[in-house]
């Protein structure tokens, strides 16, 4: 069921990127994170949908009025950097606006579409714009998605 949901989201992301390009807007890019254990940092203008088996996420609003939905967290804490949610079996989605999402933990699965930067470190697989999967880097590495913010 979860795999079907991720495939649906990637199809939607591809359709949105294609329709933007057809209308003359700069095309956004998409990334899928699968089976990640480590740290991922998404600083994007766009949307993300994902799950975390165990760990914590921190959401920071950078601009606009994003819709942030987090479910299944055991605790949450407000900080100067945003809101941190922790626990097991966390589900999250962020749409619209500009935001930063830091995910630390095990079982990181997410699909995002937009423009900005994605940083990765740990074990897992990722795919950009439907290309073949690659391994997460052992040392922190930044990947640019879509046009500049």
N, C-alpha and C. Protein backbone atom coordinates (compact mmCIF):
# COMPACT_ATOMS: atom_id res chain seq x y z
N UNK A 1 0.82 -1.19 0.00
CA UNK A 1 0.00 0.00 0.00
C UNK A 1 0.87 1.26 0.00
N UNK A 2 1.92 1.27 0.87
CA UNK A 2 2.79 2.43 0.96
C UNK A 2 3.50 2.67 -0.37
N UNK A 3 3.95 1.59 -1.02
CA UNK A 3 4.66 1.72 -2.29
C UNK A 3 3.73 2.34 -3.35
N UNK A 4 2.47 1.92 -3.37
CA UNK A 4 1.51 2.47 -4.31
C UNK A 4 1.32 3.96 -4.10
N UNK A 5 1.32 4.37 -2.84
CA UNK A 5 1.16 5.77 -2.48
C UNK A 5 2.34 6.61 -2.97
N UNK A 6 3.55 6.08 -2.80
CA UNK A 6 4.76 6.78 -3.25
C UNK A 6 4.76 6.88 -4.78
N UNK A 7 4.39 5.82 -5.46
CA UNK A 7 4.33 5.84 -6.93
C UNK A 7 3.32 6.88 -7.40
N UNK A 8 2.16 6.94 -6.73
CA UNK A 8 1.14 7.93 -7.08
C UNK A 8 1.69 9.34 -6.91
N UNK A 9 2.40 9.59 -5.80
CA UNK A 9 2.95 10.93 -5.56
C UNK A 9 3.98 11.29 -6.61
N UNK A 10 4.84 10.35 -6.98
CA UNK A 10 5.83 10.63 -8.02
C UNK A 10 5.16 10.92 -9.36
N UNK A 11 4.10 10.20 -9.67
CA UNK A 11 3.36 10.47 -10.91
C UNK A 11 2.77 11.87 -10.89
N UNK A 12 2.21 12.25 -9.74
CA UNK A 12 1.66 13.60 -9.59
C UNK A 12 2.75 14.66 -9.72
N UNK A 13 3.89 14.42 -9.10
CA UNK A 13 5.00 15.37 -9.17
C UNK A 13 5.49 15.53 -10.61
N UNK A 14 5.59 14.42 -11.33
CA UNK A 14 6.01 14.49 -12.73
C UNK A 14 5.00 15.25 -13.57
N UNK A 15 3.71 15.00 -13.34
CA UNK A 15 2.67 15.71 -14.09
C UNK A 15 2.71 17.21 -13.80
N UNK A 16 2.90 17.58 -12.54
CA UNK A 16 2.97 19.00 -12.18
C UNK A 16 4.18 19.67 -12.82
N UNK A 17 5.31 19.00 -12.80
CA UNK A 17 6.52 19.56 -13.41
C UNK A 17 6.34 19.71 -14.91
N UNK A 18 5.71 18.72 -15.55
CA UNK A 18 5.48 18.79 -17.00
C UNK A 18 4.52 19.92 -17.35
N UNK A 19 3.45 20.08 -16.57
CA UNK A 19 2.49 21.14 -16.87
C UNK A 19 3.10 22.52 -16.65
N UNK A 20 3.99 22.67 -15.67
CA UNK A 20 4.68 23.95 -15.46
C UNK A 20 5.54 24.29 -16.66
N UNK A 21 6.27 23.29 -17.15
CA UNK A 21 7.15 23.52 -18.29
C UNK A 21 6.33 23.88 -19.53
N UNK A 22 5.19 23.20 -19.70
CA UNK A 22 4.35 23.47 -20.86
C UNK A 22 3.78 24.88 -20.83
N UNK A 23 3.57 25.43 -19.65
CA UNK A 23 3.05 26.78 -19.52
C UNK A 23 4.15 27.84 -19.56
N UNK A 24 5.38 27.41 -19.75
CA UNK A 24 6.49 28.36 -19.84
C UNK A 24 7.11 28.68 -18.50
N UNK A 25 6.63 28.08 -17.41
CA UNK A 25 7.22 28.30 -16.09
C UNK A 25 8.45 27.42 -15.96
N UNK A 26 9.42 27.85 -15.14
CA UNK A 26 10.59 27.00 -14.94
C UNK A 26 10.15 25.67 -14.32
N UNK A 27 10.66 24.56 -14.83
CA UNK A 27 10.26 23.24 -14.35
C UNK A 27 10.86 22.95 -13.00
N UNK A 28 10.02 22.46 -12.08
CA UNK A 28 10.51 21.99 -10.80
C UNK A 28 11.10 20.61 -11.01
N UNK A 29 11.77 20.12 -10.00
CA UNK A 29 12.39 18.82 -10.06
C UNK A 29 11.84 17.97 -8.93
N UNK A 30 11.96 16.66 -9.03
CA UNK A 30 11.46 15.78 -8.00
C UNK A 30 12.53 14.87 -7.47
N UNK A 31 12.40 14.47 -6.20
CA UNK A 31 13.34 13.52 -5.60
C UNK A 31 12.55 12.54 -4.75
N UNK A 32 12.97 11.29 -4.75
CA UNK A 32 12.38 10.27 -3.90
C UNK A 32 13.47 9.70 -3.02
N UNK A 33 13.21 9.64 -1.72
CA UNK A 33 14.12 9.05 -0.74
C UNK A 33 13.49 7.75 -0.27
N UNK A 34 14.26 6.66 -0.30
CA UNK A 34 13.71 5.35 0.06
C UNK A 34 14.62 4.62 1.04
N UNK A 35 14.04 4.14 2.12
CA UNK A 35 14.77 3.32 3.08
C UNK A 35 15.96 4.01 3.70
N UNK A 36 15.84 5.29 3.96
CA UNK A 36 16.97 6.06 4.47
C UNK A 36 17.16 5.93 5.97
N UNK A 37 18.41 5.80 6.37
CA UNK A 37 18.82 5.86 7.77
C UNK A 37 19.92 6.91 7.84
N UNK A 38 19.66 8.01 8.51
CA UNK A 38 20.65 9.08 8.58
C UNK A 38 20.00 10.42 8.70
N UNK A 39 20.48 11.36 7.87
CA UNK A 39 20.01 12.74 7.93
C UNK A 39 19.70 13.23 6.52
N UNK A 40 18.53 13.85 6.37
CA UNK A 40 18.19 14.52 5.12
C UNK A 40 17.69 15.92 5.46
N UNK A 41 18.11 16.88 4.66
CA UNK A 41 17.71 18.28 4.85
C UNK A 41 17.14 18.77 3.52
N UNK A 42 15.86 19.13 3.51
CA UNK A 42 15.21 19.64 2.30
C UNK A 42 14.90 21.11 2.52
N UNK A 43 15.51 21.97 1.75
CA UNK A 43 15.25 23.40 1.79
C UNK A 43 14.63 23.74 0.44
N UNK A 44 13.30 23.78 0.39
CA UNK A 44 12.61 23.85 -0.89
C UNK A 44 11.48 24.86 -0.89
N UNK A 45 11.10 25.23 -2.09
CA UNK A 45 9.82 25.87 -2.37
C UNK A 45 9.08 24.80 -3.15
N UNK A 46 8.07 24.18 -2.51
CA UNK A 46 7.37 23.08 -3.17
C UNK A 46 6.58 22.25 -2.19
N UNK A 47 6.64 20.93 -2.37
CA UNK A 47 5.84 20.02 -1.55
C UNK A 47 6.64 18.77 -1.22
N UNK A 48 6.35 18.19 -0.06
CA UNK A 48 6.96 16.92 0.34
C UNK A 48 5.91 16.09 1.06
N UNK A 49 6.03 14.79 0.90
CA UNK A 49 5.15 13.83 1.55
C UNK A 49 6.04 12.68 1.99
N UNK A 50 5.96 12.28 3.27
CA UNK A 50 6.86 11.23 3.70
C UNK A 50 6.50 10.57 5.00
N UNK A 51 7.33 9.57 5.35
CA UNK A 51 7.19 8.84 6.60
C UNK A 51 8.57 8.66 7.23
N UNK A 52 8.55 8.48 8.55
CA UNK A 52 9.77 8.25 9.31
C UNK A 52 9.45 7.15 10.32
N UNK A 53 10.21 6.05 10.29
CA UNK A 53 9.95 4.96 11.24
C UNK A 53 10.27 5.37 12.66
N UNK A 54 11.44 5.99 12.88
CA UNK A 54 11.82 6.43 14.22
C UNK A 54 12.82 7.57 14.10
N UNK A 55 12.62 8.59 14.91
CA UNK A 55 13.55 9.71 14.90
C UNK A 55 12.83 11.02 15.15
N UNK A 56 13.34 12.07 14.49
CA UNK A 56 12.72 13.39 14.66
C UNK A 56 12.80 14.19 13.38
N UNK A 57 11.86 15.13 13.24
CA UNK A 57 11.88 16.06 12.12
C UNK A 57 11.74 17.47 12.68
N UNK A 58 12.36 18.43 12.00
CA UNK A 58 12.22 19.83 12.37
C UNK A 58 11.75 20.59 11.13
N UNK A 59 10.67 21.35 11.29
CA UNK A 59 10.10 22.14 10.19
C UNK A 59 10.30 23.61 10.50
N UNK A 60 10.91 24.33 9.55
CA UNK A 60 11.11 25.77 9.67
C UNK A 60 10.45 26.44 8.47
N UNK A 61 9.57 27.40 8.72
CA UNK A 61 8.91 28.15 7.64
C UNK A 61 9.85 29.25 7.19
N UNK A 62 10.11 29.32 5.88
CA UNK A 62 11.02 30.33 5.34
C UNK A 62 10.28 31.44 4.61
N UNK A 63 9.07 31.16 4.12
CA UNK A 63 8.30 32.17 3.40
C UNK A 63 6.97 31.63 2.93
N UNK A 64 6.07 32.54 2.63
CA UNK A 64 4.75 32.12 2.17
C UNK A 64 3.93 31.59 3.33
N UNK A 65 2.94 30.79 3.00
CA UNK A 65 2.04 30.23 4.01
C UNK A 65 1.90 28.73 3.78
N UNK A 66 2.96 27.95 4.07
CA UNK A 66 2.87 26.52 3.81
C UNK A 66 1.87 25.83 4.71
N UNK A 67 1.29 24.75 4.20
CA UNK A 67 0.43 23.89 5.00
C UNK A 67 1.31 22.76 5.51
N UNK A 68 1.44 22.64 6.82
CA UNK A 68 2.28 21.62 7.45
C UNK A 68 1.37 20.68 8.23
N UNK A 69 1.47 19.38 7.91
CA UNK A 69 0.69 18.37 8.62
C UNK A 69 1.65 17.29 9.08
N UNK A 70 1.69 17.05 10.40
CA UNK A 70 2.52 15.98 10.97
C UNK A 70 1.59 15.12 11.82
N UNK A 71 1.68 13.80 11.64
CA UNK A 71 0.81 12.87 12.37
C UNK A 71 1.65 11.75 12.96
N UNK A 72 1.21 11.25 14.10
CA UNK A 72 1.85 10.08 14.71
C UNK A 72 3.02 10.40 15.62
N UNK A 73 3.34 11.67 15.81
CA UNK A 73 4.48 12.01 16.66
C UNK A 73 4.16 11.73 18.12
N UNK A 74 5.20 11.38 18.89
CA UNK A 74 5.03 11.15 20.33
C UNK A 74 5.19 12.45 21.11
N UNK A 75 5.95 13.38 20.57
CA UNK A 75 6.18 14.66 21.24
C UNK A 75 6.49 15.73 20.21
N UNK A 76 6.36 16.99 20.63
CA UNK A 76 6.75 18.12 19.79
C UNK A 76 7.28 19.23 20.68
N UNK A 77 8.18 20.02 20.11
CA UNK A 77 8.82 21.09 20.86
C UNK A 77 9.07 22.27 19.92
N UNK A 78 8.67 23.46 20.35
CA UNK A 78 8.96 24.68 19.60
C UNK A 78 10.35 25.17 19.96
N UNK A 79 11.11 25.56 18.93
CA UNK A 79 12.45 26.12 19.14
C UNK A 79 12.57 27.37 18.28
N UNK A 80 13.72 28.03 18.38
CA UNK A 80 13.99 29.19 17.54
C UNK A 80 14.02 28.81 16.07
N UNK A 81 14.32 27.56 15.78
CA UNK A 81 14.44 27.09 14.40
C UNK A 81 13.15 26.54 13.83
N UNK A 82 12.10 26.45 14.62
CA UNK A 82 10.83 25.92 14.14
C UNK A 82 10.22 24.98 15.13
N UNK A 83 9.53 23.96 14.63
CA UNK A 83 8.90 22.97 15.49
C UNK A 83 9.56 21.62 15.21
N UNK A 84 9.97 20.94 16.29
CA UNK A 84 10.56 19.61 16.18
C UNK A 84 9.55 18.59 16.68
N UNK A 85 9.38 17.52 15.89
CA UNK A 85 8.47 16.43 16.22
C UNK A 85 9.31 15.16 16.34
N UNK A 86 9.00 14.32 17.33
CA UNK A 86 9.77 13.10 17.49
C UNK A 86 8.91 11.91 17.83
N UNK A 87 9.48 10.73 17.60
CA UNK A 87 8.77 9.51 17.95
C UNK A 87 8.94 8.42 16.91
N UNK A 88 7.93 7.56 16.83
CA UNK A 88 7.94 6.44 15.90
C UNK A 88 6.73 6.55 14.97
N UNK A 89 6.91 6.06 13.75
CA UNK A 89 5.84 6.03 12.75
C UNK A 89 5.23 7.41 12.51
N UNK A 90 6.08 8.36 12.19
CA UNK A 90 5.65 9.74 11.92
C UNK A 90 5.34 9.87 10.43
N UNK A 91 4.24 10.52 10.12
CA UNK A 91 3.86 10.84 8.74
C UNK A 91 3.83 12.35 8.61
N UNK A 92 4.33 12.87 7.50
CA UNK A 92 4.39 14.32 7.34
C UNK A 92 4.13 14.73 5.90
N UNK A 93 3.61 15.95 5.76
CA UNK A 93 3.46 16.55 4.43
C UNK A 93 3.51 18.06 4.59
N UNK A 94 4.12 18.68 3.61
CA UNK A 94 4.23 20.14 3.58
C UNK A 94 3.95 20.57 2.14
N UNK A 95 3.02 21.51 1.98
CA UNK A 95 2.66 22.00 0.66
C UNK A 95 2.74 23.53 0.66
N UNK A 96 3.10 24.07 -0.47
CA UNK A 96 3.14 25.52 -0.70
C UNK A 96 4.28 26.18 0.07
N UNK A 97 4.57 27.40 -0.34
CA UNK A 97 5.53 28.22 0.38
C UNK A 97 6.96 27.71 0.29
N UNK A 98 7.79 28.32 1.10
CA UNK A 98 9.21 27.98 1.18
C UNK A 98 9.48 27.50 2.61
N UNK A 99 10.17 26.39 2.75
CA UNK A 99 10.35 25.78 4.05
C UNK A 99 11.64 24.97 4.08
N UNK A 100 12.02 24.59 5.31
CA UNK A 100 13.19 23.72 5.51
C UNK A 100 12.73 22.57 6.39
N UNK A 101 13.02 21.36 5.96
CA UNK A 101 12.67 20.15 6.70
C UNK A 101 13.94 19.36 6.98
N UNK A 102 14.23 19.13 8.25
CA UNK A 102 15.38 18.32 8.64
C UNK A 102 14.83 17.02 9.22
N UNK A 103 15.26 15.90 8.64
CA UNK A 103 14.81 14.58 9.08
C UNK A 103 16.01 13.79 9.56
N UNK A 104 15.98 13.36 10.82
CA UNK A 104 17.04 12.52 11.41
C UNK A 104 16.41 11.25 11.93
N UNK A 105 16.90 10.09 11.48
CA UNK A 105 16.35 8.86 12.01
C UNK A 105 16.50 7.69 11.09
N UNK A 106 15.61 6.70 11.30
CA UNK A 106 15.63 5.48 10.51
C UNK A 106 14.31 5.34 9.76
N UNK A 107 14.38 4.67 8.63
CA UNK A 107 13.18 4.43 7.84
C UNK A 107 12.64 5.71 7.21
N UNK A 108 13.53 6.51 6.64
CA UNK A 108 13.12 7.75 5.98
C UNK A 108 12.64 7.42 4.57
N UNK A 109 11.39 7.74 4.28
CA UNK A 109 10.80 7.58 2.95
C UNK A 109 10.07 8.86 2.63
N UNK A 110 10.43 9.51 1.52
CA UNK A 110 9.79 10.77 1.19
C UNK A 110 9.86 11.01 -0.31
N UNK A 111 8.88 11.75 -0.79
CA UNK A 111 8.87 12.23 -2.17
C UNK A 111 8.65 13.72 -2.12
N UNK A 112 9.47 14.47 -2.84
CA UNK A 112 9.36 15.93 -2.84
C UNK A 112 9.45 16.44 -4.27
N UNK A 113 8.78 17.56 -4.51
CA UNK A 113 8.87 18.23 -5.79
C UNK A 113 9.00 19.72 -5.51
N UNK A 114 9.85 20.38 -6.27
CA UNK A 114 10.04 21.81 -6.06
C UNK A 114 11.39 22.26 -6.54
N UNK A 115 11.81 23.40 -6.00
CA UNK A 115 13.14 23.91 -6.32
C UNK A 115 13.84 24.28 -5.03
N UNK A 116 15.13 24.00 -4.99
CA UNK A 116 15.92 24.29 -3.80
C UNK A 116 17.03 23.29 -3.64
N UNK A 117 17.36 22.99 -2.38
CA UNK A 117 18.48 22.11 -2.08
C UNK A 117 18.04 20.93 -1.22
N UNK A 118 18.67 19.78 -1.45
CA UNK A 118 18.46 18.59 -0.63
C UNK A 118 19.83 18.12 -0.18
N UNK A 119 20.00 17.97 1.12
CA UNK A 119 21.25 17.44 1.66
C UNK A 119 21.01 16.05 2.21
N UNK A 120 21.96 15.14 1.96
CA UNK A 120 21.82 13.75 2.40
C UNK A 120 23.12 13.25 3.02
N UNK A 121 22.96 12.38 4.04
CA UNK A 121 24.08 11.65 4.62
C UNK A 121 23.52 10.41 5.29
N UNK A 122 24.10 9.25 5.00
CA UNK A 122 23.66 8.01 5.66
C UNK A 122 23.54 6.86 4.70
N UNK A 123 22.61 5.97 5.00
CA UNK A 123 22.35 4.80 4.15
C UNK A 123 20.94 4.94 3.59
N UNK A 124 20.75 4.47 2.38
CA UNK A 124 19.45 4.53 1.74
C UNK A 124 19.62 4.70 0.25
N UNK A 125 18.51 4.97 -0.43
CA UNK A 125 18.54 5.18 -1.87
C UNK A 125 17.77 6.45 -2.20
N UNK A 126 18.17 7.11 -3.29
CA UNK A 126 17.42 8.27 -3.75
C UNK A 126 17.39 8.27 -5.27
N UNK A 127 16.34 8.88 -5.81
CA UNK A 127 16.18 9.00 -7.25
C UNK A 127 15.74 10.43 -7.55
N UNK A 128 16.35 11.03 -8.56
CA UNK A 128 15.99 12.38 -8.98
C UNK A 128 15.28 12.29 -10.32
N UNK A 129 14.08 12.87 -10.40
CA UNK A 129 13.30 12.94 -11.63
C UNK A 129 13.13 11.58 -12.31
N UNK A 130 12.93 10.52 -11.51
CA UNK A 130 12.66 9.21 -12.06
C UNK A 130 13.88 8.47 -12.60
N UNK A 131 15.06 9.02 -12.41
CA UNK A 131 16.29 8.35 -12.86
C UNK A 131 16.55 7.13 -11.97
N UNK A 132 17.50 6.26 -12.36
CA UNK A 132 17.82 5.10 -11.52
C UNK A 132 18.25 5.54 -10.11
N UNK A 133 17.96 4.67 -9.14
CA UNK A 133 18.31 4.96 -7.75
C UNK A 133 19.82 4.99 -7.56
N UNK A 134 20.24 5.84 -6.62
CA UNK A 134 21.64 5.93 -6.22
C UNK A 134 21.70 5.77 -4.71
N UNK A 135 22.87 5.41 -4.19
CA UNK A 135 23.04 5.28 -2.74
C UNK A 135 23.24 6.66 -2.12
N UNK A 136 22.71 6.82 -0.90
CA UNK A 136 22.97 8.05 -0.16
C UNK A 136 24.47 8.17 0.08
N UNK A 137 25.00 9.37 0.05
CA UNK A 137 26.44 9.53 0.32
C UNK A 137 26.75 9.31 1.81
N UNK A 138 27.96 8.80 2.08
CA UNK A 138 28.39 8.60 3.46
C UNK A 138 28.73 9.94 4.13
N UNK A 139 29.28 10.85 3.36
CA UNK A 139 29.56 12.21 3.85
C UNK A 139 28.45 13.11 3.34
N UNK A 140 28.10 14.13 4.13
CA UNK A 140 27.01 15.03 3.76
C UNK A 140 27.24 15.63 2.38
N UNK A 141 26.23 15.54 1.52
CA UNK A 141 26.29 16.06 0.15
C UNK A 141 25.02 16.80 -0.17
N UNK A 142 25.15 17.90 -0.93
CA UNK A 142 23.99 18.72 -1.30
C UNK A 142 23.66 18.51 -2.77
N UNK A 143 22.35 18.39 -3.06
CA UNK A 143 21.84 18.21 -4.42
C UNK A 143 20.90 19.35 -4.72
N UNK A 144 21.05 19.99 -5.89
CA UNK A 144 20.17 21.09 -6.29
C UNK A 144 19.00 20.52 -7.08
N UNK A 145 17.79 20.97 -6.74
CA UNK A 145 16.59 20.59 -7.47
C UNK A 145 16.01 21.81 -8.15
N UNK A 146 15.59 21.65 -9.40
CA UNK A 146 14.89 22.72 -10.12
C UNK A 146 15.70 24.00 -10.21
N UNK A 147 15.02 25.08 -10.60
CA UNK A 147 15.69 26.39 -10.71
C UNK A 147 16.03 26.93 -9.33
N UNK A 148 16.89 27.93 -9.29
CA UNK A 148 17.28 28.56 -8.03
C UNK A 148 16.08 29.15 -7.31
N UNK A 149 16.15 29.19 -5.99
CA UNK A 149 15.08 29.80 -5.18
C UNK A 149 15.01 31.28 -5.41
